[in-house]
């Protein structure tokens, strides 16, 4: 087995997959345990990156493993939420946007010869540069997004319920929960805007590549 499979960040990636399997296996029977396991997996997403930089163990395989794990786990959670809430289509649209945006970005980066999909220094959009260039901002948006989905999952009833009703109910909770909810909502909104910009920018890059190739 090539050593790259045994890089520390990649081993953490395998561990994240196992945690996610367990989390979704108990998501209906134990919501609290699901939330804890899912969040641990999400935190490890940042830990593996730190190990990759610390021990110079960044790899293409690791980057793909990391992105696939991120996208699949988020997609599964959004699919769950679409079953709990009305209209469920909202979460399916978010799922499609998340996957499409990152796939376009990954593929356009490959066409451009970049080593990472996070290399956006040549793009003209300031928000995209801020998102990928300033780690605390990116972390805020990503954490907000995942925590918001976890909050919605924990507050969901067993039966399909109105998304607006649940959001209104959350706003009637304790000030701490309200503050957390509003903060995550802001970060979530910024991330969705970033996803849309990323998708459009990456799509433009693919078109430019086609035009250059046709000449």
N, C-alpha and C. Protein backbone atom coordinates (compact mmCIF):
# COMPACT_ATOMS: atom_id res chain seq x y z
N UNK A 1 0.85 -1.20 0.00
CA UNK A 1 0.00 0.00 0.00
C UNK A 1 0.89 1.25 0.00
N UNK A 2 0.66 2.17 -0.94
CA UNK A 2 1.46 3.40 -0.97
C UNK A 2 1.37 4.16 0.34
N UNK A 3 2.46 4.78 0.79
CA UNK A 3 2.48 5.50 2.08
C UNK A 3 1.42 6.59 2.18
N UNK A 4 1.02 7.18 1.05
CA UNK A 4 0.07 8.28 1.10
C UNK A 4 -1.24 7.87 1.76
N UNK A 5 -1.60 6.60 1.63
CA UNK A 5 -2.83 6.13 2.27
C UNK A 5 -2.74 6.17 3.79
N UNK A 6 -1.51 6.16 4.29
CA UNK A 6 -1.30 6.12 5.73
C UNK A 6 -0.87 7.48 6.30
N UNK A 7 -0.98 8.52 5.49
CA UNK A 7 -0.72 9.86 6.02
C UNK A 7 -1.69 10.13 7.17
N UNK A 8 -1.21 10.84 8.16
CA UNK A 8 -2.04 11.14 9.34
C UNK A 8 -3.36 11.81 8.96
N UNK A 9 -3.36 12.86 8.12
CA UNK A 9 -4.64 13.49 7.77
C UNK A 9 -5.59 12.54 7.06
N UNK A 10 -5.05 11.60 6.28
CA UNK A 10 -5.91 10.65 5.58
C UNK A 10 -6.50 9.62 6.55
N UNK A 11 -5.72 9.24 7.55
CA UNK A 11 -6.24 8.33 8.58
C UNK A 11 -7.38 9.02 9.34
N UNK A 12 -7.20 10.30 9.60
CA UNK A 12 -8.28 11.07 10.23
C UNK A 12 -9.51 11.09 9.32
N UNK A 13 -9.26 11.17 8.02
CA UNK A 13 -10.36 11.14 7.06
C UNK A 13 -11.14 9.84 7.12
N UNK A 14 -10.42 8.71 7.24
CA UNK A 14 -11.10 7.42 7.37
C UNK A 14 -11.94 7.38 8.65
N UNK A 15 -11.36 7.95 9.71
CA UNK A 15 -12.05 7.97 10.99
C UNK A 15 -13.33 8.81 10.89
N UNK A 16 -13.26 9.89 10.14
CA UNK A 16 -14.45 10.73 9.93
C UNK A 16 -15.56 9.95 9.23
N UNK A 17 -15.18 9.14 8.26
CA UNK A 17 -16.17 8.34 7.53
C UNK A 17 -16.86 7.37 8.48
N UNK A 18 -16.08 6.73 9.34
CA UNK A 18 -16.65 5.79 10.31
C UNK A 18 -17.61 6.51 11.26
N UNK A 19 -17.19 7.68 11.74
CA UNK A 19 -18.03 8.46 12.65
C UNK A 19 -19.34 8.83 11.97
N UNK A 20 -19.25 9.25 10.71
CA UNK A 20 -20.47 9.63 9.99
C UNK A 20 -21.40 8.44 9.78
N UNK A 21 -20.84 7.28 9.50
CA UNK A 21 -21.66 6.08 9.36
C UNK A 21 -22.44 5.81 10.65
N UNK A 22 -21.74 5.90 11.77
CA UNK A 22 -22.38 5.65 13.06
C UNK A 22 -23.44 6.72 13.33
N UNK A 23 -23.08 7.97 13.03
CA UNK A 23 -24.00 9.09 13.29
C UNK A 23 -25.32 8.91 12.54
N UNK A 24 -25.23 8.62 11.26
CA UNK A 24 -26.46 8.49 10.47
C UNK A 24 -27.20 7.19 10.78
N UNK A 25 -26.49 6.22 11.33
CA UNK A 25 -27.15 4.97 11.72
C UNK A 25 -28.07 5.18 12.93
N UNK A 26 -27.73 6.18 13.76
CA UNK A 26 -28.53 6.43 14.97
C UNK A 26 -29.34 7.72 14.88
N UNK A 27 -29.38 8.34 13.70
CA UNK A 27 -29.98 9.67 13.58
C UNK A 27 -31.46 9.69 13.96
N UNK A 28 -32.17 8.61 13.73
CA UNK A 28 -33.59 8.58 14.07
C UNK A 28 -33.83 8.17 15.52
N UNK A 29 -32.98 7.32 16.03
CA UNK A 29 -33.19 6.80 17.39
C UNK A 29 -32.56 7.67 18.47
N UNK A 30 -31.52 8.42 18.13
CA UNK A 30 -30.83 9.23 19.14
C UNK A 30 -30.30 10.51 18.48
N UNK A 31 -31.13 11.54 18.47
CA UNK A 31 -30.76 12.78 17.80
C UNK A 31 -29.56 13.46 18.45
N UNK A 32 -29.51 13.41 19.78
CA UNK A 32 -28.41 14.07 20.49
C UNK A 32 -27.07 13.43 20.13
N UNK A 33 -27.04 12.10 20.12
CA UNK A 33 -25.81 11.39 19.77
C UNK A 33 -25.42 11.68 18.33
N UNK A 34 -26.41 11.73 17.46
CA UNK A 34 -26.12 12.07 16.06
C UNK A 34 -25.45 13.44 15.98
N UNK A 35 -26.03 14.43 16.67
CA UNK A 35 -25.50 15.79 16.61
C UNK A 35 -24.07 15.84 17.12
N UNK A 36 -23.79 15.12 18.19
CA UNK A 36 -22.44 15.10 18.76
C UNK A 36 -21.45 14.47 17.79
N UNK A 37 -21.80 13.31 17.26
CA UNK A 37 -20.91 12.60 16.34
C UNK A 37 -20.69 13.40 15.05
N UNK A 38 -21.77 13.97 14.54
CA UNK A 38 -21.67 14.74 13.30
C UNK A 38 -20.75 15.95 13.50
N UNK A 39 -20.90 16.60 14.64
CA UNK A 39 -20.08 17.79 14.90
C UNK A 39 -18.62 17.40 15.12
N UNK A 40 -18.38 16.26 15.77
CA UNK A 40 -17.00 15.78 15.95
C UNK A 40 -16.35 15.55 14.59
N UNK A 41 -17.10 14.92 13.69
CA UNK A 41 -16.58 14.68 12.34
C UNK A 41 -16.26 16.00 11.65
N UNK A 42 -17.13 16.98 11.85
CA UNK A 42 -16.91 18.29 11.24
C UNK A 42 -15.66 18.96 11.80
N UNK A 43 -15.47 18.87 13.11
CA UNK A 43 -14.28 19.46 13.73
C UNK A 43 -13.01 18.80 13.21
N UNK A 44 -13.07 17.48 13.03
CA UNK A 44 -11.91 16.75 12.53
C UNK A 44 -11.55 17.17 11.11
N UNK A 45 -12.50 17.78 10.41
CA UNK A 45 -12.23 18.29 9.07
C UNK A 45 -11.17 19.39 9.13
N UNK A 46 -11.18 20.15 10.21
CA UNK A 46 -10.15 21.18 10.39
C UNK A 46 -8.86 20.60 10.93
N UNK A 47 -8.99 19.56 11.74
CA UNK A 47 -7.81 18.94 12.35
C UNK A 47 -6.94 18.27 11.30
N UNK A 48 -7.57 17.58 10.34
CA UNK A 48 -6.77 16.89 9.33
C UNK A 48 -5.98 17.87 8.47
N UNK A 49 -6.56 19.04 8.23
CA UNK A 49 -5.83 20.06 7.47
C UNK A 49 -4.61 20.56 8.23
N UNK A 50 -4.77 20.70 9.55
CA UNK A 50 -3.65 21.15 10.38
C UNK A 50 -2.52 20.13 10.34
N UNK A 51 -2.86 18.86 10.45
CA UNK A 51 -1.85 17.80 10.40
C UNK A 51 -1.17 17.75 9.03
N UNK A 52 -1.95 17.99 7.98
CA UNK A 52 -1.39 17.97 6.63
C UNK A 52 -0.33 19.05 6.47
N UNK A 53 -0.61 20.23 7.02
CA UNK A 53 0.35 21.34 6.92
C UNK A 53 1.51 21.14 7.89
N UNK A 54 1.23 20.64 9.08
CA UNK A 54 2.24 20.47 10.11
C UNK A 54 3.30 19.46 9.70
N UNK A 55 2.87 18.34 9.13
CA UNK A 55 3.80 17.26 8.78
C UNK A 55 4.06 17.16 7.28
N UNK A 56 3.67 18.21 6.55
CA UNK A 56 3.89 18.24 5.11
C UNK A 56 3.33 16.98 4.44
N UNK A 57 2.09 16.66 4.79
CA UNK A 57 1.46 15.46 4.27
C UNK A 57 0.21 15.79 3.43
N UNK A 58 0.25 16.95 2.79
CA UNK A 58 -0.84 17.29 1.88
C UNK A 58 -0.73 16.40 0.65
N UNK A 59 -1.86 15.92 0.16
CA UNK A 59 -1.86 15.04 -1.01
C UNK A 59 -3.13 15.24 -1.80
N UNK A 60 -3.06 14.91 -3.08
CA UNK A 60 -4.25 15.00 -3.93
C UNK A 60 -5.32 14.04 -3.44
N UNK A 61 -4.90 12.84 -3.07
CA UNK A 61 -5.85 11.86 -2.54
C UNK A 61 -6.53 12.40 -1.29
N UNK A 62 -5.75 13.01 -0.42
CA UNK A 62 -6.30 13.55 0.82
C UNK A 62 -7.29 14.68 0.56
N UNK A 63 -6.97 15.52 -0.42
CA UNK A 63 -7.87 16.64 -0.75
C UNK A 63 -9.20 16.13 -1.29
N UNK A 64 -9.12 15.11 -2.15
CA UNK A 64 -10.35 14.53 -2.71
C UNK A 64 -11.14 13.81 -1.62
N UNK A 65 -10.44 13.04 -0.79
CA UNK A 65 -11.10 12.34 0.32
C UNK A 65 -11.81 13.32 1.24
N UNK A 66 -11.14 14.42 1.53
CA UNK A 66 -11.69 15.44 2.42
C UNK A 66 -12.94 16.06 1.82
N UNK A 67 -12.86 16.44 0.55
CA UNK A 67 -14.01 17.09 -0.08
C UNK A 67 -15.19 16.13 -0.23
N UNK A 68 -14.92 14.90 -0.64
CA UNK A 68 -16.00 13.92 -0.80
C UNK A 68 -16.69 13.66 0.54
N UNK A 69 -15.89 13.52 1.60
CA UNK A 69 -16.46 13.29 2.92
C UNK A 69 -17.32 14.47 3.36
N UNK A 70 -16.82 15.68 3.12
CA UNK A 70 -17.58 16.88 3.46
C UNK A 70 -18.90 16.93 2.72
N UNK A 71 -18.82 16.75 1.41
CA UNK A 71 -20.01 16.90 0.58
C UNK A 71 -21.04 15.81 0.86
N UNK A 72 -20.58 14.58 1.05
CA UNK A 72 -21.52 13.48 1.29
C UNK A 72 -22.20 13.64 2.65
N UNK A 73 -21.44 14.01 3.67
CA UNK A 73 -22.03 14.16 5.01
C UNK A 73 -23.04 15.29 5.03
N UNK A 74 -22.70 16.42 4.41
CA UNK A 74 -23.64 17.54 4.35
C UNK A 74 -24.87 17.17 3.52
N UNK A 75 -24.65 16.47 2.42
CA UNK A 75 -25.76 16.06 1.55
C UNK A 75 -26.72 15.13 2.30
N UNK A 76 -26.17 14.22 3.07
CA UNK A 76 -27.02 13.29 3.83
C UNK A 76 -27.84 14.04 4.88
N UNK A 77 -27.22 15.02 5.54
CA UNK A 77 -27.95 15.79 6.54
C UNK A 77 -29.05 16.62 5.89
N UNK A 78 -28.76 17.22 4.75
CA UNK A 78 -29.77 18.00 4.04
C UNK A 78 -30.91 17.11 3.55
N UNK A 79 -30.56 15.90 3.13
CA UNK A 79 -31.60 14.95 2.71
C UNK A 79 -32.50 14.59 3.89
N UNK A 80 -31.90 14.43 5.07
CA UNK A 80 -32.68 14.16 6.28
C UNK A 80 -33.64 15.32 6.58
N UNK A 81 -33.10 16.52 6.52
CA UNK A 81 -33.91 17.70 6.82
C UNK A 81 -35.06 17.85 5.83
N UNK A 82 -34.83 17.44 4.60
CA UNK A 82 -35.90 17.53 3.59
C UNK A 82 -37.07 16.61 3.92
N UNK A 83 -36.80 15.59 4.73
CA UNK A 83 -37.86 14.67 5.15
C UNK A 83 -38.62 15.19 6.36
N UNK A 84 -37.96 16.03 7.15
CA UNK A 84 -38.57 16.54 8.37
C UNK A 84 -39.38 17.82 8.16
N UNK A 85 -39.00 18.59 7.14
CA UNK A 85 -39.58 19.92 6.99
C UNK A 85 -40.37 20.10 5.69
N UNK A 86 -41.30 21.05 5.76
CA UNK A 86 -42.01 21.52 4.58
C UNK A 86 -41.63 22.98 4.36
N UNK A 87 -41.27 23.43 3.17
CA UNK A 87 -41.09 22.57 1.99
C UNK A 87 -39.72 21.90 1.98
N UNK A 88 -39.70 20.61 1.79
CA UNK A 88 -38.44 19.87 1.77
C UNK A 88 -37.57 20.23 0.59
N UNK A 89 -38.19 20.80 -0.45
CA UNK A 89 -37.45 21.17 -1.65
C UNK A 89 -36.35 22.19 -1.34
N UNK A 90 -36.56 23.00 -0.31
CA UNK A 90 -35.55 24.00 0.07
C UNK A 90 -34.21 23.32 0.35
N UNK A 91 -34.24 22.24 1.10
CA UNK A 91 -33.00 21.56 1.47
C UNK A 91 -32.40 20.79 0.29
N UNK A 92 -33.26 20.30 -0.59
CA UNK A 92 -32.74 19.61 -1.77
C UNK A 92 -32.07 20.59 -2.73
N UNK A 93 -32.59 21.81 -2.79
CA UNK A 93 -31.96 22.85 -3.61
C UNK A 93 -30.59 23.21 -3.02
N UNK A 94 -30.54 23.33 -1.69
CA UNK A 94 -29.27 23.62 -1.03
C UNK A 94 -28.27 22.50 -1.26
N UNK A 95 -28.77 21.27 -1.24
CA UNK A 95 -27.92 20.11 -1.50
C UNK A 95 -27.33 20.19 -2.91
N UNK A 96 -28.19 20.48 -3.88
CA UNK A 96 -27.73 20.58 -5.26
C UNK A 96 -26.73 21.71 -5.45
N UNK A 97 -27.00 22.84 -4.81
CA UNK A 97 -26.09 23.99 -4.92
C UNK A 97 -24.73 23.66 -4.34
N UNK A 98 -24.71 23.01 -3.19
CA UNK A 98 -23.46 22.67 -2.52
C UNK A 98 -22.60 21.75 -3.39
N UNK A 99 -23.21 20.70 -3.90
CA UNK A 99 -22.46 19.73 -4.71
C UNK A 99 -22.03 20.35 -6.04
N UNK A 100 -22.96 21.02 -6.71
CA UNK A 100 -22.65 21.61 -8.02
C UNK A 100 -21.55 22.66 -7.92
N UNK A 101 -21.66 23.53 -6.93
CA UNK A 101 -20.68 24.59 -6.75
C UNK A 101 -19.27 24.03 -6.54
N UNK A 102 -19.16 23.05 -5.67
CA UNK A 102 -17.83 22.50 -5.37
C UNK A 102 -17.30 21.63 -6.51
N UNK A 103 -18.20 20.95 -7.21
CA UNK A 103 -17.75 20.14 -8.34
C UNK A 103 -17.22 21.04 -9.45
N UNK A 104 -17.95 22.10 -9.77
CA UNK A 104 -17.48 23.04 -10.78
C UNK A 104 -16.13 23.63 -10.37
N UNK A 105 -16.01 24.00 -9.10
CA UNK A 105 -14.77 24.61 -8.62
C UNK A 105 -13.61 23.63 -8.71
N UNK A 106 -13.86 22.40 -8.31
CA UNK A 106 -12.81 21.38 -8.34
C UNK A 106 -12.37 21.11 -9.78
N UNK A 107 -13.33 20.99 -10.67
CA UNK A 107 -13.00 20.64 -12.05
C UNK A 107 -12.33 21.81 -12.77
N UNK A 108 -12.81 23.02 -12.54
CA UNK A 108 -12.19 24.18 -13.18
C UNK A 108 -10.77 24.39 -12.68
N UNK A 109 -10.53 24.07 -11.41
CA UNK A 109 -9.17 24.17 -10.86
C UNK A 109 -8.26 23.17 -11.54
N UNK A 110 -8.79 21.97 -11.78
CA UNK A 110 -8.03 20.93 -12.47
C UNK A 110 -7.68 21.38 -13.89
N UNK A 111 -8.64 21.97 -14.59
CA UNK A 111 -8.40 22.43 -15.96
C UNK A 111 -7.36 23.55 -15.99
N UNK A 112 -7.34 24.35 -14.93
CA UNK A 112 -6.41 25.48 -14.87
C UNK A 112 -5.02 25.08 -14.40
N UNK A 113 -4.87 23.81 -14.03
CA UNK A 113 -3.57 23.33 -13.57
C UNK A 113 -3.25 23.70 -12.14
N UNK A 114 -4.26 24.08 -11.38
CA UNK A 114 -4.04 24.44 -9.98
C UNK A 114 -3.96 23.19 -9.12
N UNK A 115 -3.22 23.29 -8.03
CA UNK A 115 -3.07 22.14 -7.14
C UNK A 115 -4.16 22.08 -6.09
N UNK A 116 -4.93 23.16 -5.95
CA UNK A 116 -5.99 23.20 -4.95
C UNK A 116 -7.18 24.00 -5.47
N UNK A 117 -8.38 23.55 -5.13
CA UNK A 117 -9.58 24.28 -5.53
C UNK A 117 -9.74 25.57 -4.72
N UNK A 118 -8.91 25.70 -3.68
CA UNK A 118 -8.97 26.90 -2.85
C UNK A 118 -8.09 28.03 -3.38
N UNK A 119 -7.40 27.75 -4.47
CA UNK A 119 -6.54 28.77 -5.08
C UNK A 119 -7.40 29.68 -5.96
N UNK A 120 -7.81 30.81 -5.40
CA UNK A 120 -8.70 31.73 -6.14
C UNK A 120 -8.08 33.12 -6.24
N UNK A 121 -6.76 33.18 -6.12
CA UNK A 121 -6.11 34.50 -6.12
C UNK A 121 -6.24 35.23 -7.44
N UNK A 122 -6.55 34.49 -8.52
CA UNK A 122 -6.67 35.14 -9.82
C UNK A 122 -8.12 35.52 -10.15
N UNK A 123 -9.03 35.17 -9.27
CA UNK A 123 -10.42 35.54 -9.51
C UNK A 123 -10.65 37.00 -9.17
N UNK A 124 -11.65 37.59 -9.80
CA UNK A 124 -11.90 39.01 -9.57
C UNK A 124 -12.91 39.28 -8.47
N UNK A 125 -13.47 38.22 -7.89
CA UNK A 125 -14.50 38.41 -6.88
C UNK A 125 -13.91 38.51 -5.48
N UNK A 126 -14.20 39.60 -4.79
CA UNK A 126 -13.61 39.84 -3.47
C UNK A 126 -14.13 38.87 -2.41
N UNK A 127 -15.41 38.48 -2.51
CA UNK A 127 -15.97 37.59 -1.50
C UNK A 127 -15.34 36.20 -1.59
N UNK A 128 -15.11 35.73 -2.81
CA UNK A 128 -14.48 34.43 -3.00
C UNK A 128 -13.05 34.45 -2.48
N UNK A 129 -12.35 35.56 -2.73
CA UNK A 129 -10.98 35.70 -2.22
C UNK A 129 -10.97 35.73 -0.70
N UNK A 130 -11.93 36.44 -0.12
CA UNK A 130 -12.01 36.52 1.33
C UNK A 130 -12.33 35.16 1.93
N UNK A 131 -13.23 34.44 1.29
CA UNK A 131 -13.66 33.14 1.80
C UNK A 131 -12.50 32.14 1.84
N UNK A 132 -11.77 32.04 0.76
CA UNK A 132 -10.68 31.07 0.70
C UNK A 132 -9.35 31.62 1.20
N UNK A 133 -9.24 32.94 1.24
CA UNK A 133 -7.97 33.54 1.64
C UNK A 133 -7.84 33.86 3.11
N UNK A 134 -8.97 33.96 3.81
CA UNK A 134 -8.93 34.31 5.23
C UNK A 134 -9.61 33.20 6.01
N UNK A 135 -8.80 32.33 6.61
CA UNK A 135 -9.31 31.12 7.25
C UNK A 135 -10.38 31.36 8.32
N UNK A 136 -10.22 32.37 9.18
CA UNK A 136 -11.26 32.60 10.20
C UNK A 136 -12.64 32.88 9.58
N UNK A 137 -12.64 33.61 8.48
CA UNK A 137 -13.92 33.92 7.81
C UNK A 137 -14.52 32.65 7.22
N UNK A 138 -13.70 31.85 6.57
CA UNK A 138 -14.16 30.59 6.00
C UNK A 138 -14.67 29.66 7.10
N UNK A 139 -13.94 29.62 8.21
CA UNK A 139 -14.34 28.77 9.33
C UNK A 139 -15.68 29.21 9.89
N UNK A 140 -15.87 30.53 10.02
CA UNK A 140 -17.14 31.05 10.53
C UNK A 140 -18.31 30.63 9.64
N UNK A 141 -18.13 30.76 8.34
CA UNK A 141 -19.20 30.41 7.40
C UNK A 141 -19.50 28.91 7.43
N UNK A 142 -18.45 28.10 7.43
CA UNK A 142 -18.64 26.65 7.41
C UNK A 142 -19.25 26.14 8.72
N UNK A 143 -18.72 26.63 9.84
CA UNK A 143 -19.26 26.23 11.14
C UNK A 143 -20.71 26.67 11.27
N UNK A 144 -20.99 27.89 10.85
CA UNK A 144 -22.36 28.42 10.92
C UNK A 144 -23.32 27.54 10.14
N UNK A 145 -22.91 27.16 8.96
CA UNK A 145 -23.76 26.36 8.08
C UNK A 145 -24.08 25.01 8.72
N UNK A 146 -23.05 24.31 9.19
CA UNK A 146 -23.26 22.99 9.76
C UNK A 146 -24.03 23.06 11.09
N UNK A 147 -23.70 24.04 11.91
CA UNK A 147 -24.39 24.18 13.20
C UNK A 147 -25.87 24.52 12.98
N UNK A 148 -26.15 25.35 11.99
CA UNK A 148 -27.54 25.69 11.68
C UNK A 148 -28.32 24.44 11.30
N UNK A 149 -27.72 23.60 10.47
CA UNK A 149 -28.40 22.37 10.06
C UNK A 149 -28.61 21.44 11.26
N UNK A 150 -27.63 21.40 12.15
CA UNK A 150 -27.76 20.56 13.35
C UNK A 150 -28.88 21.09 14.24
N UNK A 151 -28.95 22.41 14.40
CA UNK A 151 -30.01 23.01 15.21
C UNK A 151 -31.38 22.67 14.63
N UNK A 152 -31.52 22.81 13.33
CA UNK A 152 -32.79 22.49 12.68
C UNK A 152 -33.13 21.01 12.84
N UNK A 153 -32.11 20.17 12.79
CA UNK A 153 -32.34 18.74 12.97
C UNK A 153 -32.83 18.44 14.39
N UNK A 154 -32.21 19.07 15.38
CA UNK A 154 -32.57 18.82 16.77
C UNK A 154 -33.97 19.34 17.09
N UNK A 155 -34.38 20.41 16.43
CA UNK A 155 -35.70 20.99 16.70
C UNK A 155 -36.80 20.40 15.82
N UNK A 156 -36.43 19.52 14.91
CA UNK A 156 -37.42 18.93 14.01
C UNK A 156 -38.30 17.93 14.75
N UNK A 157 -39.57 17.89 14.38
CA UNK A 157 -40.48 16.89 14.92
C UNK A 157 -40.34 15.61 14.11
N UNK A 158 -40.92 14.55 14.64
CA UNK A 158 -40.90 13.29 13.91
C UNK A 158 -41.75 13.37 12.65
N UNK A 159 -42.76 14.24 12.69
CA UNK A 159 -43.62 14.42 11.53
C UNK A 159 -43.17 15.65 10.75
N UNK A 160 -43.52 15.67 9.48
CA UNK A 160 -43.17 16.80 8.64
C UNK A 160 -43.79 18.08 9.19
N UNK A 161 -42.99 19.11 9.33
CA UNK A 161 -43.47 20.35 9.92
C UNK A 161 -42.99 21.54 9.12
N UNK A 162 -43.59 22.69 9.37
CA UNK A 162 -43.25 23.89 8.63
C UNK A 162 -41.90 24.44 9.07
N UNK A 163 -41.05 24.73 8.11
CA UNK A 163 -39.73 25.27 8.40
C UNK A 163 -39.85 26.64 9.08
N UNK A 164 -40.76 27.46 8.58
CA UNK A 164 -40.94 28.79 9.16
C UNK A 164 -41.45 28.72 10.59
N UNK A 165 -42.31 27.75 10.87
CA UNK A 165 -42.84 27.61 12.23
C UNK A 165 -41.75 27.23 13.22
N UNK A 166 -40.88 26.32 12.80
CA UNK A 166 -39.79 25.89 13.68
C UNK A 166 -38.80 27.04 13.90
N UNK A 167 -38.50 27.77 12.83
CA UNK A 167 -37.58 28.91 12.97
C UNK A 167 -38.17 29.95 13.91
N UNK A 168 -39.48 30.17 13.80
CA UNK A 168 -40.14 31.11 14.70
C UNK A 168 -40.09 30.62 16.13
N UNK A 169 -40.24 29.31 16.31
CA UNK A 169 -40.17 28.74 17.65
C UNK A 169 -38.78 28.86 18.26
N UNK A 170 -37.76 28.71 17.43
CA UNK A 170 -36.38 28.84 17.92
C UNK A 170 -36.12 30.26 18.40
N UNK A 171 -36.71 31.23 17.72
CA UNK A 171 -36.52 32.63 18.10
C UNK A 171 -37.20 32.96 19.43
N UNK A 172 -38.04 32.06 19.91
CA UNK A 172 -38.69 32.25 21.21
C UNK A 172 -37.98 31.50 22.33
N UNK A 173 -36.83 30.92 22.00
CA UNK A 173 -36.05 30.19 23.00
C UNK A 173 -35.22 31.17 23.84
N UNK A 174 -34.30 30.65 24.60
CA UNK A 174 -33.45 31.48 25.45
C UNK A 174 -32.58 32.40 24.59
N UNK A 175 -32.15 33.53 25.15
CA UNK A 175 -31.32 34.48 24.38
C UNK A 175 -30.07 33.84 23.78
N UNK A 176 -29.47 32.89 24.50
CA UNK A 176 -28.27 32.24 24.00
C UNK A 176 -28.56 31.44 22.73
N UNK A 177 -29.66 30.70 22.74
CA UNK A 177 -30.03 29.91 21.56
C UNK A 177 -30.40 30.83 20.40
N UNK A 178 -31.11 31.91 20.72
CA UNK A 178 -31.49 32.87 19.68
C UNK A 178 -30.24 33.50 19.05
N UNK A 179 -29.28 33.88 19.89
CA UNK A 179 -28.04 34.47 19.40
C UNK A 179 -27.28 33.48 18.51
N UNK A 180 -27.22 32.24 18.95
CA UNK A 180 -26.53 31.21 18.16
C UNK A 180 -27.24 31.00 16.83
N UNK A 181 -28.56 30.96 16.88
CA UNK A 181 -29.35 30.72 15.67
C UNK A 181 -29.17 31.86 14.67
N UNK A 182 -29.27 33.09 15.14
CA UNK A 182 -29.13 34.24 14.24
C UNK A 182 -27.71 34.32 13.68
N UNK A 183 -26.72 34.06 14.52
CA UNK A 183 -25.32 34.11 14.07
C UNK A 183 -25.06 33.07 12.99
N UNK A 184 -25.55 31.86 13.24
CA UNK A 184 -25.35 30.80 12.24
C UNK A 184 -26.12 31.09 10.96
N UNK A 185 -27.26 31.73 11.11
CA UNK A 185 -28.07 32.07 9.93
C UNK A 185 -27.32 33.05 9.03
N UNK A 186 -26.62 34.00 9.66
CA UNK A 186 -25.84 34.98 8.89
C UNK A 186 -24.69 34.27 8.16
N UNK A 187 -23.95 33.44 8.90
CA UNK A 187 -22.84 32.71 8.28
C UNK A 187 -23.32 31.78 7.18
N UNK A 188 -24.47 31.15 7.41
CA UNK A 188 -25.06 30.26 6.40
C UNK A 188 -25.39 31.04 5.13
N UNK A 189 -26.00 32.20 5.29
CA UNK A 189 -26.39 33.01 4.14
C UNK A 189 -25.18 33.43 3.32
N UNK A 190 -24.12 33.83 4.00
CA UNK A 190 -22.89 34.25 3.30
C UNK A 190 -22.31 33.06 2.53
N UNK A 191 -22.36 31.89 3.13
CA UNK A 191 -21.82 30.70 2.46
C UNK A 191 -22.62 30.35 1.21
N UNK A 192 -23.93 30.52 1.26
CA UNK A 192 -24.75 30.21 0.08
C UNK A 192 -24.45 31.20 -1.05
N UNK A 193 -24.28 32.47 -0.68
CA UNK A 193 -23.92 33.47 -1.69
C UNK A 193 -22.56 33.12 -2.29
N UNK A 194 -21.63 32.71 -1.43
CA UNK A 194 -20.30 32.31 -1.90
C UNK A 194 -20.39 31.11 -2.83
N UNK A 195 -21.25 30.16 -2.49
CA UNK A 195 -21.43 28.98 -3.35
C UNK A 195 -21.92 29.37 -4.74
N UNK A 196 -22.87 30.30 -4.78
CA UNK A 196 -23.41 30.74 -6.06
C UNK A 196 -22.33 31.44 -6.89
N UNK A 197 -21.57 32.32 -6.23
CA UNK A 197 -20.49 33.03 -6.92
C UNK A 197 -19.43 32.04 -7.40
N UNK A 198 -19.10 31.09 -6.54
CA UNK A 198 -18.10 30.09 -6.89
C UNK A 198 -18.55 29.27 -8.10
N UNK A 199 -19.80 28.88 -8.11
CA UNK A 199 -20.33 28.10 -9.23
C UNK A 199 -20.26 28.88 -10.53
N UNK A 200 -20.67 30.15 -10.48
CA UNK A 200 -20.65 30.99 -11.68
C UNK A 200 -19.23 31.25 -12.15
N UNK A 201 -18.33 31.55 -11.23
CA UNK A 201 -16.94 31.82 -11.58
C UNK A 201 -16.27 30.59 -12.18
N UNK A 202 -16.53 29.44 -11.56
CA UNK A 202 -15.94 28.19 -12.06
C UNK A 202 -16.52 27.82 -13.42
N UNK A 203 -17.82 28.05 -13.60
CA UNK A 203 -18.45 27.77 -14.89
C UNK A 203 -17.83 28.64 -15.98
N UNK A 204 -17.59 29.91 -15.65
CA UNK A 204 -16.94 30.82 -16.61
C UNK A 204 -15.54 30.32 -16.98
N UNK A 205 -14.83 29.79 -15.98
CA UNK A 205 -13.48 29.27 -16.23
C UNK A 205 -13.53 28.07 -17.18
N UNK A 206 -14.55 27.24 -17.03
CA UNK A 206 -14.71 26.09 -17.93
C UNK A 206 -15.01 26.54 -19.35
N UNK A 207 -15.83 27.58 -19.48
CA UNK A 207 -16.17 28.11 -20.80
C UNK A 207 -14.94 28.72 -21.46
N UNK A 208 -14.16 29.46 -20.69
CA UNK A 208 -12.92 30.06 -21.22
C UNK A 208 -11.98 28.96 -21.70
N UNK A 209 -11.90 27.88 -20.94
CA UNK A 209 -11.05 26.75 -21.34
C UNK A 209 -11.52 26.17 -22.67
N UNK A 210 -12.84 26.04 -22.83
CA UNK A 210 -13.39 25.51 -24.08
C UNK A 210 -13.07 26.43 -25.26
N UNK A 211 -13.19 27.74 -25.02
CA UNK A 211 -12.93 28.71 -26.09
C UNK A 211 -11.46 28.67 -26.52
N UNK A 212 -10.57 28.55 -25.54
CA UNK A 212 -9.14 28.48 -25.86
C UNK A 212 -8.81 27.20 -26.62
N UNK A 213 -9.47 26.12 -26.24
CA UNK A 213 -9.19 24.84 -26.88
C UNK A 213 -9.72 24.79 -28.31
N UNK A 214 -10.79 25.56 -28.57
CA UNK A 214 -11.40 25.54 -29.91
C UNK A 214 -10.64 26.39 -30.91
N UNK A 215 -9.73 27.23 -30.43
CA UNK A 215 -8.98 28.09 -31.35
C UNK A 215 -7.86 27.32 -32.04
